[in-house]
Amino acid sequence: MSVDRTIDPELPWGCWLRIQPRNHFKAVFVDDLTGREWPTIREAFWCGRLRMPLRNDKVPEDQMEFLHGVLAQIARRQASPCERSADMFHGSGQFSDWYFAWLHNQGLIDESKGHLTAEGWAVLHMLMATRPQPVRQDRPGRATVRQLTEVGLGPEEREARLSRVEQLSLDWGEGFRRKRIGAWPHVILVERGEGPVPVLQTTWSLRFDTDEQRDDFYEWLCVRLDRWPAWAEMADGHPHLELTQHLLMVMGAALRGDAES
């Protein structure tokens, strides 16, 4: 699928594909410009556009989710190379640099500006719209693309920005919130559980001495809204300290990246 197209960044990638019914078979997606057929839009993108191989005859959803997370981060903010390698690439700056160079070569990002291209935006819309049901509630979260680029980043007073993030995240299935537990201000992480009545449950918390300290930390988290689902996944079923240690590592890398910029 190497033909040139005019990409509308407001529409999902692949919106030009046509569904073609097949007698006694599942319908396929046809690209009328090339004549190629695909069983899913995600396979059209992964195999046709990126020319990547299937894994066990399936699109590797973990790789699609990772790409989704990287594009979501770029859409929301410009993380420093130090922070993104520490948080998303297991500390490997070489892997991080290679991945971003690959995205630039694919035409999904403009690495010199640190922005998504028109096609990159279209791909982000498509990835969010076509996620398989088993991962639909997971990364990179239930925030819409528009919310991802606006929530918590506006010109309002800080309290208004933080409160808006808290309010919207009530519907996302997981999110960080500010709470007072006993006499102490806390930031907690809540996730929706399983069962007949999937109630919210606290999976992680961090105590602070003052409300100002808590709000400073919460603001840092809100800027990184794109990473909340991944961090929630880290806290789910793991020792409490793992997420705390990871956040401290990412915060240190972010400070180092800011100092070097």
C-alpha atoms as a PDB file:
ATOM      1  CA  MET A   1       0.000   0.000   0.000  1.00  0.00           C
ATOM      2  CA  SER A   2       2.611   2.480  -1.143  1.00  0.00           C
ATOM      3  CA  VAL A   3       0.327   4.688  -3.259  1.00  0.00           C
ATOM      4  CA  ASP A   4       0.232   8.364  -2.391  1.00  0.00           C
ATOM      5  CA  ARG A   5      -2.966   9.523  -0.703  1.00  0.00           C
ATOM      6  CA  THR A   6      -4.299  12.732   0.711  1.00  0.00           C
ATOM      7  CA  ILE A   7      -4.633  11.949   4.398  1.00  0.00           C
ATOM      8  CA  ASP A   8      -7.186  13.757   6.547  1.00  0.00           C
ATOM      9  CA  PRO A   9      -5.730  13.861  10.096  1.00  0.00           C
ATOM     10  CA  GLU A  10      -9.258  14.105  11.533  1.00  0.00           C
ATOM     11  CA  LEU A  11     -10.337  10.757  10.029  1.00  0.00           C
ATOM     12  CA  PRO A  12      -9.072   7.287  10.940  1.00  0.00           C
ATOM     13  CA  TRP A  13      -6.454   5.742   8.695  1.00  0.00           C
ATOM     14  CA  GLY A  14      -8.067   3.312   6.232  1.00  0.00           C
ATOM     15  CA  CYS A  15     -11.361   5.156   5.874  1.00  0.00           C
ATOM     16  CA  TRP A  16     -10.952   4.776   2.096  1.00  0.00           C
ATOM     17  CA  LEU A  17     -11.191   0.984   2.301  1.00  0.00           C
ATOM     18  CA  ARG A  18     -14.379  -0.647   1.037  1.00  0.00           C
ATOM     19  CA  ILE A  19     -16.069  -3.615   2.707  1.00  0.00           C
ATOM     20  CA  GLN A  20     -16.594  -6.417   0.207  1.00  0.00           C
ATOM     21  CA  PRO A  21     -18.946  -9.276   1.205  1.00  0.00           C
ATOM     22  CA  ARG A  22     -17.824 -12.813   0.412  1.00  0.00           C
ATOM     23  CA  ASN A  23     -20.304 -15.675   0.057  1.00  0.00           C
ATOM     24  CA  HIS A  24     -19.946 -18.064   3.001  1.00  0.00           C
ATOM     25  CA  PHE A  25     -16.840 -16.152   4.113  1.00  0.00           C
ATOM     26  CA  LYS A  26     -16.165 -13.165   6.283  1.00  0.00           C
ATOM     27  CA  ALA A  27     -16.226  -9.840   4.449  1.00  0.00           C
ATOM     28  CA  VAL A  28     -12.884  -8.298   3.504  1.00  0.00           C
ATOM     29  CA  PHE A  29     -11.592  -4.742   3.251  1.00  0.00           C
ATOM     30  CA  VAL A  30     -10.652  -3.799  -0.313  1.00  0.00           C
ATOM     31  CA  ASP A  31      -8.309  -1.025  -1.395  1.00  0.00           C
ATOM     32  CA  ASP A  32      -9.750  -0.020  -4.761  1.00  0.00           C
ATOM     33  CA  LEU A  33      -6.567   1.797  -5.807  1.00  0.00           C
ATOM     34  CA  THR A  34      -4.355  -1.249  -5.426  1.00  0.00           C
ATOM     35  CA  GLY A  35      -6.858  -4.107  -5.565  1.00  0.00           C
ATOM     36  CA  ARG A  36      -5.445  -5.622  -2.386  1.00  0.00           C
ATOM     37  CA  GLU A  37      -7.717  -7.219   0.183  1.00  0.00           C
ATOM     38  CA  TRP A  38      -7.359  -7.464   3.920  1.00  0.00           C
ATOM     39  CA  PRO A  39      -9.344  -9.268   6.619  1.00  0.00           C
ATOM     40  CA  THR A  40      -9.078  -6.291   9.004  1.00  0.00           C
ATOM     41  CA  ILE A  41      -8.100  -2.628   8.865  1.00  0.00           C
ATOM     42  CA  ARG A  42      -5.346  -3.287  11.381  1.00  0.00           C
ATOM     43  CA  GLU A  43      -3.827  -5.927   9.119  1.00  0.00           C
ATOM     44  CA  ALA A  44      -4.102  -3.557   6.157  1.00  0.00           C
ATOM     45  CA  PHE A  45      -2.058  -1.071   8.144  1.00  0.00           C
ATOM     46  CA  TRP A  46       0.432  -3.480   9.719  1.00  0.00           C
ATOM     47  CA  CYS A  47       1.158  -5.596   6.667  1.00  0.00           C
ATOM     48  CA  GLY A  48       0.127  -3.336   3.802  1.00  0.00           C
ATOM     49  CA  ARG A  49       1.272   0.066   5.001  1.00  0.00           C
ATOM     50  CA  LEU A  50       4.158  -0.783   7.318  1.00  0.00           C
ATOM     51  CA  ARG A  51       5.129  -3.999   5.473  1.00  0.00           C
ATOM     52  CA  MET A  52       5.548  -5.818   8.752  1.00  0.00           C
ATOM     53  CA  PRO A  53       5.030  -9.588   9.108  1.00  0.00           C
ATOM     54  CA  LEU A  54       2.245 -11.368  10.933  1.00  0.00           C
ATOM     55  CA  ARG A  55       2.995 -13.400  14.041  1.00  0.00           C
ATOM     56  CA  ASN A  56       1.346 -16.831  14.007  1.00  0.00           C
ATOM     57  CA  ASP A  57      -0.894 -15.548  11.189  1.00  0.00           C
ATOM     58  CA  LYS A  58      -2.103 -12.655  13.341  1.00  0.00           C
ATOM     59  CA  VAL A  59      -1.280  -8.995  13.759  1.00  0.00           C
ATOM     60  CA  PRO A  60       0.957  -8.738  16.870  1.00  0.00           C
ATOM     61  CA  GLU A  61      -1.364  -6.760  19.105  1.00  0.00           C
ATOM     62  CA  ASP A  62       1.339  -6.066  21.678  1.00  0.00           C
ATOM     63  CA  GLN A  63       3.342  -4.234  19.004  1.00  0.00           C
ATOM     64  CA  MET A  64       0.250  -2.357  17.821  1.00  0.00           C
ATOM     65  CA  GLU A  65      -0.473  -1.333  21.409  1.00  0.00           C
ATOM     66  CA  PHE A  66       3.115  -0.188  21.881  1.00  0.00           C
ATOM     67  CA  LEU A  67       2.904   1.905  18.707  1.00  0.00           C
ATOM     68  CA  HIS A  68      -0.410   3.277  19.962  1.00  0.00           C
ATOM     69  CA  GLY A  69       1.208   4.306  23.237  1.00  0.00           C
ATOM     70  CA  VAL A  70       4.147   6.013  21.530  1.00  0.00           C
ATOM     71  CA  LEU A  71       1.889   7.966  19.154  1.00  0.00           C
ATOM     72  CA  ALA A  72      -0.365   8.943  22.061  1.00  0.00           C
ATOM     73  CA  GLN A  73       2.619  10.305  23.974  1.00  0.00           C
ATOM     74  CA  ILE A  74       3.778  12.361  20.981  1.00  0.00           C
ATOM     75  CA  ALA A  75       0.240  13.669  20.469  1.00  0.00           C
ATOM     76  CA  ARG A  76       0.054  14.934  24.045  1.00  0.00           C
ATOM     77  CA  ARG A  77       3.535  16.242  24.804  1.00  0.00           C
ATOM     78  CA  GLN A  78       7.200  16.243  23.856  1.00  0.00           C
ATOM     79  CA  ALA A  79       8.873  13.967  26.372  1.00  0.00           C
ATOM     80  CA  SER A  80      12.644  14.246  26.584  1.00  0.00           C
ATOM     81  CA  PRO A  81      14.688  11.352  25.152  1.00  0.00           C
ATOM     82  CA  CYS A  82      15.793  10.551  28.721  1.00  0.00           C
ATOM     83  CA  GLU A  83      12.236  10.266  29.989  1.00  0.00           C
ATOM     84  CA  ARG A  84      10.828   8.264  27.093  1.00  0.00           C
ATOM     85  CA  SER A  85      13.679   5.746  27.133  1.00  0.00           C
ATOM     86  CA  ALA A  86      13.373   5.288  30.910  1.00  0.00           C
ATOM     87  CA  ASP A  87       9.599   4.932  30.859  1.00  0.00           C
ATOM     88  CA  MET A  88       8.787   3.131  27.600  1.00  0.00           C
ATOM     89  CA  PHE A  89      11.990   1.553  26.279  1.00  0.00           C
ATOM     90  CA  HIS A  90      13.361  -0.192  29.384  1.00  0.00           C
ATOM     91  CA  GLY A  91      16.138   2.364  29.685  1.00  0.00           C
ATOM     92  CA  SER A  92      17.510   1.725  26.192  1.00  0.00           C
ATOM     93  CA  GLY A  93      18.230   5.043  24.532  1.00  0.00           C
ATOM     94  CA  GLN A  94      19.485   3.200  21.462  1.00  0.00           C
ATOM     95  CA  PHE A  95      16.181   1.352  21.022  1.00  0.00           C
ATOM     96  CA  SER A  96      14.242   4.581  21.617  1.00  0.00           C
ATOM     97  CA  ASP A  97      16.274   6.474  19.021  1.00  0.00           C
ATOM     98  CA  TRP A  98      15.912   3.648  16.493  1.00  0.00           C
ATOM     99  CA  TYR A  99      12.131   3.425  17.007  1.00  0.00           C
ATOM    100  CA  PHE A 100      11.631   7.148  16.524  1.00  0.00           C
ATOM    101  CA  ALA A 101      13.851   7.106  13.430  1.00  0.00           C
ATOM    102  CA  TRP A 102      11.705   4.244  12.085  1.00  0.00           C
ATOM    103  CA  LEU A 103       8.499   6.209  12.733  1.00  0.00           C
ATOM    104  CA  HIS A 104      10.029   9.203  10.958  1.00  0.00           C
ATOM    105  CA  ASN A 105      11.061   7.041   7.998  1.00  0.00           C
ATOM    106  CA  GLN A 106       7.517   5.632   7.850  1.00  0.00           C
ATOM    107  CA  GLY A 107       6.144   9.171   7.628  1.00  0.00           C
ATOM    108  CA  LEU A 108       4.156   8.977  10.871  1.00  0.00           C
ATOM    109  CA  ILE A 109       6.153  11.596  12.766  1.00  0.00           C
ATOM    110  CA  ASP A 110       8.289  14.598  11.901  1.00  0.00           C
ATOM    111  CA  GLU A 111      11.227  13.903  14.196  1.00  0.00           C
ATOM    112  CA  SER A 112      12.783  17.328  13.608  1.00  0.00           C
ATOM    113  CA  LYS A 113       9.649  19.001  15.024  1.00  0.00           C
ATOM    114  CA  GLY A 114       8.617  16.234  17.404  1.00  0.00           C
ATOM    115  CA  HIS A 115       5.082  16.206  16.006  1.00  0.00           C
ATOM    116  CA  LEU A 116       2.774  13.649  14.426  1.00  0.00           C
ATOM    117  CA  THR A 117       2.281  14.026  10.690  1.00  0.00           C
ATOM    118  CA  ALA A 118      -1.209  14.094   9.179  1.00  0.00           C
ATOM    119  CA  GLU A 119      -0.924  10.344   8.629  1.00  0.00           C
ATOM    120  CA  GLY A 120       0.332   9.857  12.170  1.00  0.00           C
ATOM    121  CA  TRP A 121      -2.827  11.507  13.506  1.00  0.00           C
ATOM    122  CA  ALA A 122      -4.968   9.343  11.214  1.00  0.00           C
ATOM    123  CA  VAL A 123      -3.184   6.219  12.437  1.00  0.00           C
ATOM    124  CA  LEU A 124      -3.753   7.235  16.072  1.00  0.00           C
ATOM    125  CA  HIS A 125      -7.481   7.643  15.369  1.00  0.00           C
ATOM    126  CA  MET A 126      -7.578   4.237  13.675  1.00  0.00           C
ATOM    127  CA  LEU A 127      -5.683   2.432  16.414  1.00  0.00           C
ATOM    128  CA  MET A 128      -7.997   3.830  19.052  1.00  0.00           C
ATOM    129  CA  ALA A 129     -11.135   2.957  17.065  1.00  0.00           C
ATOM    130  CA  THR A 130     -10.193  -0.611  16.126  1.00  0.00           C
ATOM    131  CA  ARG A 131      -8.706  -2.018  19.306  1.00  0.00           C
ATOM    132  CA  PRO A 132      -9.661  -5.649  19.945  1.00  0.00           C
ATOM    133  CA  GLN A 133     -12.109  -6.127  22.792  1.00  0.00           C
ATOM    134  CA  PRO A 134      -9.607  -7.849  25.135  1.00  0.00           C
ATOM    135  CA  VAL A 135      -7.428  -4.730  25.167  1.00  0.00           C
ATOM    136  CA  ARG A 136     -10.114  -2.079  24.658  1.00  0.00           C
ATOM    137  CA  GLN A 137     -10.097  -1.177  28.353  1.00  0.00           C
ATOM    138  CA  ASP A 138      -6.304  -1.119  28.528  1.00  0.00           C
ATOM    139  CA  ARG A 139      -3.536   0.945  27.033  1.00  0.00           C
ATOM    140  CA  PRO A 140      -3.444   3.696  26.120  1.00  0.00           C
ATOM    141  CA  GLY A 141      -6.694   4.273  27.953  1.00  0.00           C
ATOM    142  CA  ARG A 142     -10.211   5.365  27.271  1.00  0.00           C
ATOM    143  CA  ALA A 143      -9.505   9.055  26.798  1.00  0.00           C
ATOM    144  CA  THR A 144     -10.457  10.196  23.318  1.00  0.00           C
ATOM    145  CA  VAL A 145      -7.825  11.630  20.996  1.00  0.00           C
ATOM    146  CA  ARG A 146      -9.250  15.081  21.589  1.00  0.00           C
ATOM    147  CA  GLN A 147      -9.117  14.667  25.367  1.00  0.00           C
ATOM    148  CA  LEU A 148      -5.590  13.329  25.069  1.00  0.00           C
ATOM    149  CA  THR A 149      -4.443  16.566  23.451  1.00  0.00           C
ATOM    150  CA  GLU A 150      -6.415  18.967  25.670  1.00  0.00           C
ATOM    151  CA  VAL A 151      -7.292  17.686  29.137  1.00  0.00           C
ATOM    152  CA  GLY A 152      -5.027  19.092  31.833  1.00  0.00           C
ATOM    153  CA  LEU A 153      -3.024  21.215  29.415  1.00  0.00           C
ATOM    154  CA  GLY A 154      -5.250  24.270  29.088  1.00  0.00           C
ATOM    155  CA  PRO A 155      -4.750  27.839  30.307  1.00  0.00           C
ATOM    156  CA  GLU A 156      -7.051  27.466  33.331  1.00  0.00           C
ATOM    157  CA  GLU A 157      -5.893  27.865  36.912  1.00  0.00           C
ATOM    158  CA  ARG A 158      -4.086  24.785  38.175  1.00  0.00           C
ATOM    159  CA  GLU A 159      -6.896  23.589  40.431  1.00  0.00           C
ATOM    160  CA  ALA A 160      -9.392  23.804  37.569  1.00  0.00           C
ATOM    161  CA  ARG A 161      -7.095  21.792  35.302  1.00  0.00           C
ATOM    162  CA  LEU A 162      -6.449  19.084  37.882  1.00  0.00           C
ATOM    163  CA  SER A 163     -10.103  18.830  38.886  1.00  0.00           C
ATOM    164  CA  ARG A 164     -11.138  18.422  35.245  1.00  0.00           C
ATOM    165  CA  VAL A 165      -8.734  15.517  34.807  1.00  0.00           C
ATOM    166  CA  GLU A 166     -10.108  13.879  37.950  1.00  0.00           C
ATOM    167  CA  GLN A 167     -13.698  14.337  36.798  1.00  0.00           C
ATOM    168  CA  LEU A 168     -13.180  12.960  33.297  1.00  0.00           C
ATOM    169  CA  SER A 169     -11.098  10.026  34.498  1.00  0.00           C
ATOM    170  CA  LEU A 170     -14.078   8.750  36.501  1.00  0.00           C
ATOM    171  CA  ASP A 171     -15.308   7.098  33.281  1.00  0.00           C
ATOM    172  CA  TRP A 172     -11.983   5.660  32.105  1.00  0.00           C
ATOM    173  CA  GLY A 173     -11.772   2.556  34.261  1.00  0.00           C
ATOM    174  CA  GLU A 174      -8.485   3.601  35.814  1.00  0.00           C
ATOM    175  CA  GLY A 175      -6.939   6.844  36.971  1.00  0.00           C
ATOM    176  CA  PHE A 176      -4.977   8.743  39.583  1.00  0.00           C
ATOM    177  CA  ARG A 177      -6.913  10.875  42.058  1.00  0.00           C
ATOM    178  CA  ARG A 178      -6.285  13.075  45.068  1.00  0.00           C
ATOM    179  CA  LYS A 179      -7.686  11.889  48.396  1.00  0.00           C
ATOM    180  CA  ARG A 180      -7.272  12.574  52.094  1.00  0.00           C
ATOM    181  CA  ILE A 181      -6.793   9.378  54.037  1.00  0.00           C
ATOM    182  CA  GLY A 182      -6.955  10.061  57.726  1.00  0.00           C
ATOM    183  CA  ALA A 183      -4.954  13.194  58.386  1.00  0.00           C
ATOM    184  CA  TRP A 184      -2.718  12.834  55.337  1.00  0.00           C
ATOM    185  CA  PRO A 185      -3.097  13.954  51.705  1.00  0.00           C
ATOM    186  CA  HIS A 186      -2.590  11.112  49.228  1.00  0.00           C
ATOM    187  CA  VAL A 187      -2.517  10.416  45.517  1.00  0.00           C
ATOM    188  CA  ILE A 188      -4.230   7.105  44.829  1.00  0.00           C
ATOM    189  CA  LEU A 189      -4.639   4.923  41.764  1.00  0.00           C
ATOM    190  CA  VAL A 190      -8.063   3.371  41.247  1.00  0.00           C
ATOM    191  CA  GLU A 191      -9.018   0.663  38.761  1.00  0.00           C
ATOM    192  CA  ARG A 192     -12.268  -1.001  37.886  1.00  0.00           C
ATOM    193  CA  GLY A 193     -12.312  -4.570  39.093  1.00  0.00           C
ATOM    194  CA  GLU A 194     -13.970  -7.639  37.671  1.00  0.00           C
ATOM    195  CA  GLY A 195     -17.001  -9.586  38.813  1.00  0.00           C
ATOM    196  CA  PRO A 196     -20.780  -9.201  38.639  1.00  0.00           C
ATOM    197  CA  VAL A 197     -20.499  -5.623  39.893  1.00  0.00           C
ATOM    198  CA  PRO A 198     -17.150  -4.229  38.670  1.00  0.00           C
ATOM    199  CA  VAL A 199     -16.572  -1.641  41.380  1.00  0.00           C
ATOM    200  CA  LEU A 200     -13.547   0.625  41.602  1.00  0.00           C
ATOM    201  CA  GLN A 201     -10.704  -0.422  43.867  1.00  0.00           C
ATOM    202  CA  THR A 202      -7.548   1.306  45.073  1.00  0.00           C
ATOM    203  CA  THR A 203      -4.431  -0.455  43.781  1.00  0.00           C
ATOM    204  CA  TRP A 204      -1.751   2.044  44.795  1.00  0.00           C
ATOM    205  CA  SER A 205      -1.320   5.111  46.992  1.00  0.00           C
ATOM    206  CA  LEU A 206       1.365   7.605  47.955  1.00  0.00           C
ATOM    207  CA  ARG A 207       1.268   9.796  51.060  1.00  0.00           C
ATOM    208  CA  PHE A 208       2.448  13.427  51.272  1.00  0.00           C
ATOM    209  CA  ASP A 209       3.032  15.806  54.123  1.00  0.00           C
ATOM    210  CA  THR A 210       1.138  18.754  52.622  1.00  0.00           C
ATOM    211  CA  ASP A 211      -1.589  19.400  50.068  1.00  0.00           C
ATOM    212  CA  GLU A 212       0.857  21.495  48.036  1.00  0.00           C
ATOM    213  CA  GLN A 213       3.315  18.603  47.738  1.00  0.00           C
ATOM    214  CA  ARG A 214       0.502  16.281  46.692  1.00  0.00           C
ATOM    215  CA  ASP A 215      -0.815  18.727  44.098  1.00  0.00           C
ATOM    216  CA  ASP A 216       2.676  19.293  42.655  1.00  0.00           C
ATOM    217  CA  PHE A 217       3.052  15.554  42.145  1.00  0.00           C
ATOM    218  CA  TYR A 218      -0.469  15.182  40.796  1.00  0.00           C
ATOM    219  CA  GLU A 219       0.157  17.925  38.260  1.00  0.00           C
ATOM    220  CA  TRP A 220       3.253  16.037  37.074  1.00  0.00           C
ATOM    221  CA  LEU A 221       1.073  12.946  36.654  1.00  0.00           C
ATOM    222  CA  CYS A 222      -1.629  14.885  34.787  1.00  0.00           C
ATOM    223  CA  VAL A 223       0.844  16.154  32.207  1.00  0.00           C
ATOM    224  CA  ARG A 224       1.631  12.476  31.573  1.00  0.00           C
ATOM    225  CA  LEU A 225      -1.976  11.398  31.207  1.00  0.00           C
ATOM    226  CA  ASP A 226      -1.048   9.293  28.182  1.00  0.00           C
ATOM    227  CA  ARG A 227       0.918   6.937  30.464  1.00  0.00           C
ATOM    228  CA  TRP A 228      -1.746   6.346  33.107  1.00  0.00           C
ATOM    229  CA  PRO A 229      -3.083   3.036  31.728  1.00  0.00           C
ATOM    230  CA  ALA A 230       0.416   1.600  31.353  1.00  0.00           C
ATOM    231  CA  TRP A 231       1.285   2.628  34.903  1.00  0.00           C
ATOM    232  CA  ALA A 232      -2.007   1.193  36.154  1.00  0.00           C
ATOM    233  CA  GLU A 233      -1.136  -2.091  34.467  1.00  0.00           C
ATOM    234  CA  MET A 234       2.203  -2.045  36.275  1.00  0.00           C
ATOM    235  CA  ALA A 235       0.470  -1.673  39.641  1.00  0.00           C
ATOM    236  CA  ASP A 236      -2.062  -4.426  38.951  1.00  0.00           C
ATOM    237  CA  GLY A 237      -1.030  -7.642  40.677  1.00  0.00           C
ATOM    238  CA  HIS A 238       2.498  -6.485  41.502  1.00  0.00           C
ATOM    239  CA  PRO A 239       4.191  -5.343  44.691  1.00  0.00           C
ATOM    240  CA  HIS A 240       3.249  -1.823  45.714  1.00  0.00           C
ATOM    241  CA  LEU A 241       6.803  -0.532  45.479  1.00  0.00           C
ATOM    242  CA  GLU A 242       7.246  -1.387  41.792  1.00  0.00           C
ATOM    243  CA  LEU A 243       5.113   1.500  40.537  1.00  0.00           C
ATOM    244  CA  THR A 244       6.570   3.895  43.119  1.00  0.00           C
ATOM    245  CA  GLN A 245      10.111   3.030  42.055  1.00  0.00           C
ATOM    246  CA  HIS A 246       9.214   3.325  38.398  1.00  0.00           C
ATOM    247  CA  LEU A 247       7.617   6.750  38.828  1.00  0.00           C
ATOM    248  CA  LEU A 248      10.650   7.996  40.762  1.00  0.00           C
ATOM    249  CA  MET A 249      12.926   6.717  37.994  1.00  0.00           C
ATOM    250  CA  VAL A 250      10.830   8.410  35.292  1.00  0.00           C
ATOM    251  CA  MET A 251      10.672  11.639  37.281  1.00  0.00           C
ATOM    252  CA  GLY A 252      14.449  11.627  37.672  1.00  0.00           C
ATOM    253  CA  ALA A 253      14.894  11.004  33.944  1.00  0.00           C
ATOM    254  CA  ALA A 254      12.456  13.826  33.145  1.00  0.00           C
ATOM    255  CA  LEU A 255      14.383  16.240  35.376  1.00  0.00           C
ATOM    256  CA  ARG A 256      17.641  15.156  33.754  1.00  0.00           C
ATOM    257  CA  GLY A 257      16.132  15.655  30.311  1.00  0.00           C
ATOM    258  CA  ASP A 258      14.889  19.140  31.236  1.00  0.00           C
ATOM    259  CA  ALA A 259      18.326  20.080  32.562  1.00  0.00           C
ATOM    260  CA  GLU A 260      19.997  18.935  29.342  1.00  0.00           C
ATOM    261  CA  SER A 261      17.567  20.730  27.031  1.00  0.00           C
END
